[in-house]
Amino acid sequence: MLNQTTIKTIRNANIDELNTLIALVRDRQRSIQLEVGRNFNVGDLVSFNDKRGARITGNITKINRKSIKVDTGGYIWNVSPSLLTAA
């Protein structure tokens, strides 16, 4: 959770400061995805929730920089590593 000082700083920031902040947040998100992605290997059984909330389970077939391909037996999904859990 953000503290009050951080919230105040964001509210008072000009456009250049906000753009810098947004770039920093995106960089951090990418680094978190890379860290999470390193925990998986091709062949691992994983699961995730689809857009409707249904639990999908499948095997990892390929690990890309930003996404992981999961084969569910009839369909191959491109999934963000942060959405996957070991099944």
PDB file of N, CA and C in Angstrom:
ATOM      1  N   MET A   1       0.836  -1.177   0.000  1.00  0.00           N
ATOM      2  CA  MET A   1       0.000   0.000   0.000  1.00  0.00           C
ATOM      3  C   MET A   1       0.884   1.244   0.000  1.00  0.00           C
ATOM      4  N   LEU A   2       0.462   2.249  -0.699  1.00  0.00           N
ATOM      5  CA  LEU A   2       1.242   3.480  -0.786  1.00  0.00           C
ATOM      6  C   LEU A   2       1.041   4.318   0.471  1.00  0.00           C
ATOM      7  N   ASN A   3       2.125   4.937   0.939  1.00  0.00           N
ATOM      8  CA  ASN A   3       1.992   5.825   2.095  1.00  0.00           C
ATOM      9  C   ASN A   3       1.525   7.205   1.636  1.00  0.00           C
ATOM     10  N   GLN A   4       1.136   8.026   2.564  1.00  0.00           N
ATOM     11  CA  GLN A   4       0.569   9.342   2.247  1.00  0.00           C
ATOM     12  C   GLN A   4       1.571  10.263   1.552  1.00  0.00           C
ATOM     13  N   THR A   5       2.840  10.137   1.890  1.00  0.00           N
ATOM     14  CA  THR A   5       3.866  10.959   1.242  1.00  0.00           C
ATOM     15  C   THR A   5       3.962  10.624  -0.240  1.00  0.00           C
ATOM     16  N   THR A   6       3.938   9.345  -0.567  1.00  0.00           N
ATOM     17  CA  THR A   6       4.002   8.916  -1.966  1.00  0.00           C
ATOM     18  C   THR A   6       2.776   9.396  -2.727  1.00  0.00           C
ATOM     19  N   ILE A   7       1.612   9.252  -2.136  1.00  0.00           N
ATOM     20  CA  ILE A   7       0.365   9.698  -2.782  1.00  0.00           C
ATOM     21  C   ILE A   7       0.407  11.202  -3.030  1.00  0.00           C
ATOM     22  N   LYS A   8       0.866  11.967  -2.049  1.00  0.00           N
ATOM     23  CA  LYS A   8       0.949  13.421  -2.195  1.00  0.00           C
ATOM     24  C   LYS A   8       1.925  13.798  -3.302  1.00  0.00           C
ATOM     25  N   THR A   9       3.055  13.100  -3.359  1.00  0.00           N
ATOM     26  CA  THR A   9       4.061  13.371  -4.390  1.00  0.00           C
ATOM     27  C   THR A   9       3.476  13.120  -5.778  1.00  0.00           C
ATOM     28  N   ILE A  10       2.743  12.028  -5.938  1.00  0.00           N
ATOM     29  CA  ILE A  10       2.130  11.713  -7.233  1.00  0.00           C
ATOM     30  C   ILE A  10       1.099  12.767  -7.615  1.00  0.00           C
ATOM     31  N   ARG A  11       0.282  13.149  -6.675  1.00  0.00           N
ATOM     32  CA  ARG A  11      -0.767  14.152  -6.953  1.00  0.00           C
ATOM     33  C   ARG A  11      -0.197  15.509  -7.329  1.00  0.00           C
ATOM     34  N   ASN A  12       0.973  15.827  -6.826  1.00  0.00           N
ATOM     35  CA  ASN A  12       1.576  17.135  -7.096  1.00  0.00           C
ATOM     36  C   ASN A  12       2.593  17.111  -8.231  1.00  0.00           C
ATOM     37  N   ALA A  13       2.795  15.958  -8.843  1.00  0.00           N
ATOM     38  CA  ALA A  13       3.806  15.824  -9.895  1.00  0.00           C
ATOM     39  C   ALA A  13       3.361  16.487 -11.193  1.00  0.00           C
ATOM     40  N   ASN A  14       4.334  17.026 -11.930  1.00  0.00           N
ATOM     41  CA  ASN A  14       4.025  17.563 -13.260  1.00  0.00           C
ATOM     42  C   ASN A  14       4.088  16.425 -14.276  1.00  0.00           C
ATOM     43  N   ILE A  15       3.805  16.722 -15.514  1.00  0.00           N
ATOM     44  CA  ILE A  15       3.710  15.682 -16.541  1.00  0.00           C
ATOM     45  C   ILE A  15       5.042  14.955 -16.757  1.00  0.00           C
ATOM     46  N   ASP A  16       6.141  15.685 -16.725  1.00  0.00           N
ATOM     47  CA  ASP A  16       7.447  15.047 -16.908  1.00  0.00           C
ATOM     48  C   ASP A  16       7.757  14.085 -15.762  1.00  0.00           C
ATOM     49  N   GLU A  17       7.442  14.485 -14.554  1.00  0.00           N
ATOM     50  CA  GLU A  17       7.666  13.623 -13.395  1.00  0.00           C
ATOM     51  C   GLU A  17       6.770  12.387 -13.455  1.00  0.00           C
ATOM     52  N   LEU A  18       5.517  12.560 -13.882  1.00  0.00           N
ATOM     53  CA  LEU A  18       4.609  11.425 -14.021  1.00  0.00           C
ATOM     54  C   LEU A  18       5.090  10.454 -15.092  1.00  0.00           C
ATOM     55  N   ASN A  19       5.574  10.975 -16.213  1.00  0.00           N
ATOM     56  CA  ASN A  19       6.090  10.108 -17.274  1.00  0.00           C
ATOM     57  C   ASN A  19       7.297   9.308 -16.795  1.00  0.00           C
ATOM     58  N   THR A  20       8.158   9.942 -16.006  1.00  0.00           N
ATOM     59  CA  THR A  20       9.296   9.242 -15.432  1.00  0.00           C
ATOM     60  C   THR A  20       8.827   8.146 -14.479  1.00  0.00           C
ATOM     61  N   LEU A  21       7.852   8.466 -13.656  1.00  0.00           N
ATOM     62  CA  LEU A  21       7.294   7.492 -12.716  1.00  0.00           C
ATOM     63  C   LEU A  21       6.673   6.302 -13.451  1.00  0.00           C
ATOM     64  N   ILE A  22       5.925   6.577 -14.500  1.00  0.00           N
ATOM     65  CA  ILE A  22       5.300   5.517 -15.290  1.00  0.00           C
ATOM     66  C   ILE A  22       6.363   4.611 -15.904  1.00  0.00           C
ATOM     67  N   ALA A  23       7.433   5.202 -16.424  1.00  0.00           N
ATOM     68  CA  ALA A  23       8.524   4.405 -16.999  1.00  0.00           C
ATOM     69  C   ALA A  23       9.170   3.530 -15.932  1.00  0.00           C
ATOM     70  N   LEU A  24       9.349   4.055 -14.745  1.00  0.00           N
ATOM     71  CA  LEU A  24       9.927   3.270 -13.648  1.00  0.00           C
ATOM     72  C   LEU A  24       9.021   2.113 -13.250  1.00  0.00           C
ATOM     73  N   VAL A  25       7.716   2.357 -13.210  1.00  0.00           N
ATOM     74  CA  VAL A  25       6.766   1.304 -12.863  1.00  0.00           C
ATOM     75  C   VAL A  25       6.788   0.207 -13.922  1.00  0.00           C
ATOM     76  N   ARG A  26       6.798   0.574 -15.186  1.00  0.00           N
ATOM     77  CA  ARG A  26       6.854  -0.419 -16.269  1.00  0.00           C
ATOM     78  C   ARG A  26       8.129  -1.251 -16.199  1.00  0.00           C
ATOM     79  N   ASP A  27       9.252  -0.608 -15.914  1.00  0.00           N
ATOM     80  CA  ASP A  27      10.514  -1.340 -15.784  1.00  0.00           C
ATOM     81  C   ASP A  27      10.446  -2.338 -14.637  1.00  0.00           C
ATOM     82  N   ARG A  28       9.858  -1.916 -13.538  1.00  0.00           N
ATOM     83  CA  ARG A  28       9.734  -2.815 -12.384  1.00  0.00           C
ATOM     84  C   ARG A  28       8.810  -3.985 -12.704  1.00  0.00           C
ATOM     85  N   GLN A  29       7.706  -3.724 -13.412  1.00  0.00           N
ATOM     86  CA  GLN A  29       6.796  -4.795 -13.805  1.00  0.00           C
ATOM     87  C   GLN A  29       7.505  -5.814 -14.683  1.00  0.00           C
ATOM     88  N   ARG A  30       8.302  -5.337 -15.636  1.00  0.00           N
ATOM     89  CA  ARG A  30       9.050  -6.241 -16.514  1.00  0.00           C
ATOM     90  C   ARG A  30      10.033  -7.089 -15.725  1.00  0.00           C
ATOM     91  N   SER A  31      10.727  -6.469 -14.783  1.00  0.00           N
ATOM     92  CA  SER A  31      11.711  -7.233 -14.013  1.00  0.00           C
ATOM     93  C   SER A  31      11.029  -8.274 -13.125  1.00  0.00           C
ATOM     94  N   ILE A  32       9.854  -7.955 -12.597  1.00  0.00           N
ATOM     95  CA  ILE A  32       9.109  -8.933 -11.799  1.00  0.00           C
ATOM     96  C   ILE A  32       8.680 -10.093 -12.678  1.00  0.00           C
ATOM     97  N   GLN A  33       8.181  -9.807 -13.885  1.00  0.00           N
ATOM     98  CA  GLN A  33       7.781 -10.876 -14.803  1.00  0.00           C
ATOM     99  C   GLN A  33       8.960 -11.782 -15.144  1.00  0.00           C
ATOM    100  N   LEU A  34      10.127 -11.188 -15.367  1.00  0.00           N
ATOM    101  CA  LEU A  34      11.318 -11.993 -15.673  1.00  0.00           C
ATOM    102  C   LEU A  34      11.694 -12.885 -14.493  1.00  0.00           C
ATOM    103  N   GLU A  35      11.624 -12.331 -13.279  1.00  0.00           N
ATOM    104  CA  GLU A  35      11.937 -13.105 -12.079  1.00  0.00           C
ATOM    105  C   GLU A  35      10.968 -14.282 -11.921  1.00  0.00           C
ATOM    106  N   VAL A  36       9.687 -14.021 -12.105  1.00  0.00           N
ATOM    107  CA  VAL A  36       8.680 -15.068 -11.974  1.00  0.00           C
ATOM    108  C   VAL A  36       8.872 -16.117 -13.062  1.00  0.00           C
ATOM    109  N   GLY A  37       9.153 -15.665 -14.283  1.00  0.00           N
ATOM    110  CA  GLY A  37       9.340 -16.575 -15.406  1.00  0.00           C
ATOM    111  C   GLY A  37      10.500 -17.538 -15.219  1.00  0.00           C
ATOM    112  N   ARG A  38      11.501 -17.124 -14.458  1.00  0.00           N
ATOM    113  CA  ARG A  38      12.660 -17.983 -14.210  1.00  0.00           C
ATOM    114  C   ARG A  38      12.321 -19.177 -13.324  1.00  0.00           C
ATOM    115  N   ASN A  39      11.191 -19.120 -12.644  1.00  0.00           N
ATOM    116  CA  ASN A  39      10.781 -20.212 -11.750  1.00  0.00           C
ATOM    117  C   ASN A  39      10.145 -21.374 -12.507  1.00  0.00           C
ATOM    118  N   PHE A  40       9.901 -21.199 -13.805  1.00  0.00           N
ATOM    119  CA  PHE A  40       9.246 -22.225 -14.600  1.00  0.00           C
ATOM    120  C   PHE A  40      10.196 -22.807 -15.626  1.00  0.00           C
ATOM    121  N   ASN A  41       9.924 -24.055 -16.037  1.00  0.00           N
ATOM    122  CA  ASN A  41      10.715 -24.737 -17.066  1.00  0.00           C
ATOM    123  C   ASN A  41       9.775 -25.376 -18.077  1.00  0.00           C
ATOM    124  N   VAL A  42      10.271 -25.569 -19.284  1.00  0.00           N
ATOM    125  CA  VAL A  42       9.498 -26.269 -20.305  1.00  0.00           C
ATOM    126  C   VAL A  42       9.141 -27.651 -19.763  1.00  0.00           C
ATOM    127  N   GLY A  43       7.867 -28.025 -19.928  1.00  0.00           N
ATOM    128  CA  GLY A  43       7.390 -29.312 -19.444  1.00  0.00           C
ATOM    129  C   GLY A  43       6.670 -29.235 -18.106  1.00  0.00           C
ATOM    130  N   ASP A  44       6.841 -28.124 -17.374  1.00  0.00           N
ATOM    131  CA  ASP A  44       6.168 -27.973 -16.085  1.00  0.00           C
ATOM    132  C   ASP A  44       4.653 -27.951 -16.267  1.00  0.00           C
ATOM    133  N   LEU A  45       3.940 -28.550 -15.329  1.00  0.00           N
ATOM    134  CA  LEU A  45       2.487 -28.497 -15.293  1.00  0.00           C
ATOM    135  C   LEU A  45       2.098 -27.250 -14.510  1.00  0.00           C
ATOM    136  N   VAL A  46       1.330 -26.370 -15.151  1.00  0.00           N
ATOM    137  CA  VAL A  46       0.935 -25.104 -14.534  1.00  0.00           C
ATOM    138  C   VAL A  46      -0.565 -24.895 -14.692  1.00  0.00           C
ATOM    139  N   SER A  47      -1.081 -23.916 -13.947  1.00  0.00           N
ATOM    140  CA  SER A  47      -2.485 -23.556 -14.104  1.00  0.00           C
ATOM    141  C   SER A  47      -2.637 -22.049 -14.005  1.00  0.00           C
ATOM    142  N   PHE A  48      -3.756 -21.559 -14.529  1.00  0.00           N
ATOM    143  CA  PHE A  48      -4.081 -20.134 -14.504  1.00  0.00           C
ATOM    144  C   PHE A  48      -5.577 -20.000 -14.705  1.00  0.00           C
ATOM    145  N   ASN A  49      -6.108 -18.826 -14.434  1.00  0.00           N
ATOM    146  CA  ASN A  49      -7.525 -18.551 -14.659  1.00  0.00           C
ATOM    147  C   ASN A  49      -7.688 -17.819 -15.985  1.00  0.00           C
ATOM    148  N   ASP A  50      -8.668 -18.259 -16.800  1.00  0.00           N
ATOM    149  CA  ASP A  50      -8.921 -17.539 -18.055  1.00  0.00           C
ATOM    150  C   ASP A  50      -9.757 -16.297 -17.751  1.00  0.00           C
ATOM    151  N   LYS A  51     -10.144 -15.557 -18.795  1.00  0.00           N
ATOM    152  CA  LYS A  51     -10.864 -14.295 -18.616  1.00  0.00           C
ATOM    153  C   LYS A  51     -12.202 -14.468 -17.920  1.00  0.00           C
ATOM    154  N   ARG A  52     -12.795 -15.641 -18.032  1.00  0.00           N
ATOM    155  CA  ARG A  52     -14.092 -15.902 -17.388  1.00  0.00           C
ATOM    156  C   ARG A  52     -13.941 -16.468 -15.982  1.00  0.00           C
ATOM    157  N   GLY A  53     -12.709 -16.697 -15.567  1.00  0.00           N
ATOM    158  CA  GLY A  53     -12.453 -17.209 -14.229  1.00  0.00           C
ATOM    159  C   GLY A  53     -12.315 -18.716 -14.149  1.00  0.00           C
ATOM    160  N   ALA A  54     -12.420 -19.413 -15.283  1.00  0.00           N
ATOM    161  CA  ALA A  54     -12.273 -20.869 -15.291  1.00  0.00           C
ATOM    162  C   ALA A  54     -10.799 -21.233 -15.095  1.00  0.00           C
ATOM    163  N   ARG A  55     -10.550 -22.260 -14.302  1.00  0.00           N
ATOM    164  CA  ARG A  55      -9.185 -22.719 -14.050  1.00  0.00           C
ATOM    165  C   ARG A  55      -8.715 -23.570 -15.222  1.00  0.00           C
ATOM    166  N   ILE A  56      -7.591 -23.195 -15.816  1.00  0.00           N
ATOM    167  CA  ILE A  56      -7.011 -23.885 -16.966  1.00  0.00           C
ATOM    168  C   ILE A  56      -5.691 -24.515 -16.515  1.00  0.00           C
ATOM    169  N   THR A  57      -5.482 -25.773 -16.887  1.00  0.00           N
ATOM    170  CA  THR A  57      -4.244 -26.471 -16.544  1.00  0.00           C
ATOM    171  C   THR A  57      -3.596 -26.989 -17.819  1.00  0.00           C
ATOM    172  N   GLY A  58      -2.277 -26.869 -17.901  1.00  0.00           N
ATOM    173  CA  GLY A  58      -1.558 -27.363 -19.069  1.00  0.00           C
ATOM    174  C   GLY A  58      -0.072 -27.420 -18.819  1.00  0.00           C
ATOM    175  N   ASN A  59       0.658 -27.805 -19.853  1.00  0.00           N
ATOM    176  CA  ASN A  59       2.120 -27.932 -19.788  1.00  0.00           C
ATOM    177  C   ASN A  59       2.791 -26.789 -20.529  1.00  0.00           C
ATOM    178  N   ILE A  60       3.879 -26.301 -19.972  1.00  0.00           N
ATOM    179  CA  ILE A  60       4.663 -25.247 -20.619  1.00  0.00           C
ATOM    180  C   ILE A  60       5.384 -25.838 -21.817  1.00  0.00           C
ATOM    181  N   THR A  61       5.214 -25.193 -22.984  1.00  0.00           N
ATOM    182  CA  THR A  61       5.896 -25.655 -24.190  1.00  0.00           C
ATOM    183  C   THR A  61       7.025 -24.720 -24.611  1.00  0.00           C
ATOM    184  N   LYS A  62       6.938 -23.441 -24.209  1.00  0.00           N
ATOM    185  CA  LYS A  62       7.968 -22.481 -24.587  1.00  0.00           C
ATOM    186  C   LYS A  62       7.943 -21.312 -23.609  1.00  0.00           C
ATOM    187  N   ILE A  63       9.129 -20.797 -23.289  1.00  0.00           N
ATOM    188  CA  ILE A  63       9.246 -19.643 -22.408  1.00  0.00           C
ATOM    189  C   ILE A  63       9.841 -18.495 -23.210  1.00  0.00           C
ATOM    190  N   ASN A  64       9.063 -17.442 -23.380  1.00  0.00           N
ATOM    191  CA  ASN A  64       9.510 -16.232 -24.070  1.00  0.00           C
ATOM    192  C   ASN A  64       9.900 -15.184 -23.031  1.00  0.00           C
ATOM    193  N   ARG A  65      10.381 -14.039 -23.492  1.00  0.00           N
ATOM    194  CA  ARG A  65      10.774 -12.978 -22.565  1.00  0.00           C
ATOM    195  C   ARG A  65       9.599 -12.472 -21.741  1.00  0.00           C
ATOM    196  N   LYS A  66       8.447 -12.266 -22.391  1.00  0.00           N
ATOM    197  CA  LYS A  66       7.315 -11.650 -21.711  1.00  0.00           C
ATOM    198  C   LYS A  66       6.139 -12.586 -21.483  1.00  0.00           C
ATOM    199  N   SER A  67       6.147 -13.738 -22.094  1.00  0.00           N
ATOM    200  CA  SER A  67       5.024 -14.660 -21.944  1.00  0.00           C
ATOM    201  C   SER A  67       5.505 -16.098 -21.975  1.00  0.00           C
ATOM    202  N   ILE A  68       4.625 -16.977 -21.526  1.00  0.00           N
ATOM    203  CA  ILE A  68       4.917 -18.403 -21.516  1.00  0.00           C
ATOM    204  C   ILE A  68       3.805 -19.114 -22.272  1.00  0.00           C
ATOM    205  N   LYS A  69       4.186 -20.010 -23.191  1.00  0.00           N
ATOM    206  CA  LYS A  69       3.196 -20.771 -23.950  1.00  0.00           C
ATOM    207  C   LYS A  69       2.805 -22.006 -23.158  1.00  0.00           C
ATOM    208  N   VAL A  70       1.480 -22.179 -22.984  1.00  0.00           N
ATOM    209  CA  VAL A  70       0.949 -23.304 -22.216  1.00  0.00           C
ATOM    210  C   VAL A  70       0.022 -24.107 -23.111  1.00  0.00           C
ATOM    211  N   ASP A  71       0.325 -25.386 -23.273  1.00  0.00           N
ATOM    212  CA  ASP A  71      -0.490 -26.297 -24.078  1.00  0.00           C
ATOM    213  C   ASP A  71      -1.482 -26.999 -23.155  1.00  0.00           C
ATOM    214  N   THR A  72      -2.778 -26.799 -23.446  1.00  0.00           N
ATOM    215  CA  THR A  72      -3.825 -27.391 -22.608  1.00  0.00           C
ATOM    216  C   THR A  72      -4.413 -28.646 -23.228  1.00  0.00           C
ATOM    217  N   GLY A  73      -3.773 -29.152 -24.273  1.00  0.00           N
ATOM    218  CA  GLY A  73      -4.247 -30.364 -24.917  1.00  0.00           C
ATOM    219  C   GLY A  73      -5.071 -30.105 -26.162  1.00  0.00           C
ATOM    220  N   GLY A  74      -5.613 -28.953 -26.297  1.00  0.00           N
ATOM    221  CA  GLY A  74      -6.381 -28.629 -27.486  1.00  0.00           C
ATOM    222  C   GLY A  74      -6.152 -27.204 -27.945  1.00  0.00           C
ATOM    223  N   TYR A  75      -5.457 -26.449 -27.121  1.00  0.00           N
ATOM    224  CA  TYR A  75      -5.228 -25.046 -27.413  1.00  0.00           C
ATOM    225  C   TYR A  75      -3.924 -24.619 -26.753  1.00  0.00           C
ATOM    226  N   ILE A  76      -3.197 -23.701 -27.406  1.00  0.00           N
ATOM    227  CA  ILE A  76      -1.966 -23.163 -26.817  1.00  0.00           C
ATOM    228  C   ILE A  76      -2.234 -21.717 -26.419  1.00  0.00           C
ATOM    229  N   TRP A  77      -2.025 -21.430 -25.155  1.00  0.00           N
ATOM    230  CA  TRP A  77      -2.254 -20.105 -24.588  1.00  0.00           C
ATOM    231  C   TRP A  77      -0.924 -19.384 -24.421  1.00  0.00           C
ATOM    232  N   ASN A  78      -0.912 -18.075 -24.649  1.00  0.00           N
ATOM    233  CA  ASN A  78       0.214 -17.214 -24.283  1.00  0.00           C
ATOM    234  C   ASN A  78      -0.169 -16.532 -22.983  1.00  0.00           C
ATOM    235  N   VAL A  79       0.561 -16.825 -21.919  1.00  0.00           N
ATOM    236  CA  VAL A  79       0.179 -16.376 -20.593  1.00  0.00           C
ATOM    237  C   VAL A  79       1.323 -15.604 -19.961  1.00  0.00           C
ATOM    238  N   SER A  80       1.002 -14.526 -19.266  1.00  0.00           N
ATOM    239  CA  SER A  80       1.990 -13.785 -18.495  1.00  0.00           C
ATOM    240  C   SER A  80       2.477 -14.666 -17.349  1.00  0.00           C
ATOM    241  N   PRO A  81       3.784 -14.703 -17.098  1.00  0.00           N
ATOM    242  CA  PRO A  81       4.297 -15.548 -16.007  1.00  0.00           C
ATOM    243  C   PRO A  81       3.668 -15.232 -14.653  1.00  0.00           C
ATOM    244  N   SER A  82       3.296 -13.992 -14.430  1.00  0.00           N
ATOM    245  CA  SER A  82       2.731 -13.612 -13.141  1.00  0.00           C
ATOM    246  C   SER A  82       1.356 -14.236 -12.901  1.00  0.00           C
ATOM    247  N   LEU A  83       0.710 -14.746 -13.951  1.00  0.00           N
ATOM    248  CA  LEU A  83      -0.611 -15.369 -13.810  1.00  0.00           C
ATOM    249  C   LEU A  83      -0.542 -16.870 -13.595  1.00  0.00           C
ATOM    250  N   LEU A  84       0.649 -17.444 -13.735  1.00  0.00           N
ATOM    251  CA  LEU A  84       0.799 -18.898 -13.638  1.00  0.00           C
ATOM    252  C   LEU A  84       1.127 -19.348 -12.220  1.00  0.00           C
ATOM    253  N   THR A  85       0.600 -20.537 -11.892  1.00  0.00           N
ATOM    254  CA  THR A  85       0.991 -21.206 -10.652  1.00  0.00           C
ATOM    255  C   THR A  85       1.315 -22.646 -10.983  1.00  0.00           C
ATOM    256  N   ALA A  86       2.219 -23.243 -10.235  1.00  0.00           N
ATOM    257  CA  ALA A  86       2.542 -24.649 -10.437  1.00  0.00           C
ATOM    258  C   ALA A  86       1.323 -25.477 -10.077  1.00  0.00           C
ATOM    259  N   ALA A  87       0.998 -26.453 -10.945  1.00  0.00           N
ATOM    260  CA  ALA A  87      -0.194 -27.274 -10.690  1.00  0.00           C
ATOM    261  C   ALA A  87       0.166 -28.571  -9.996  1.00  0.00           C
TER     262      ALA A  87
END
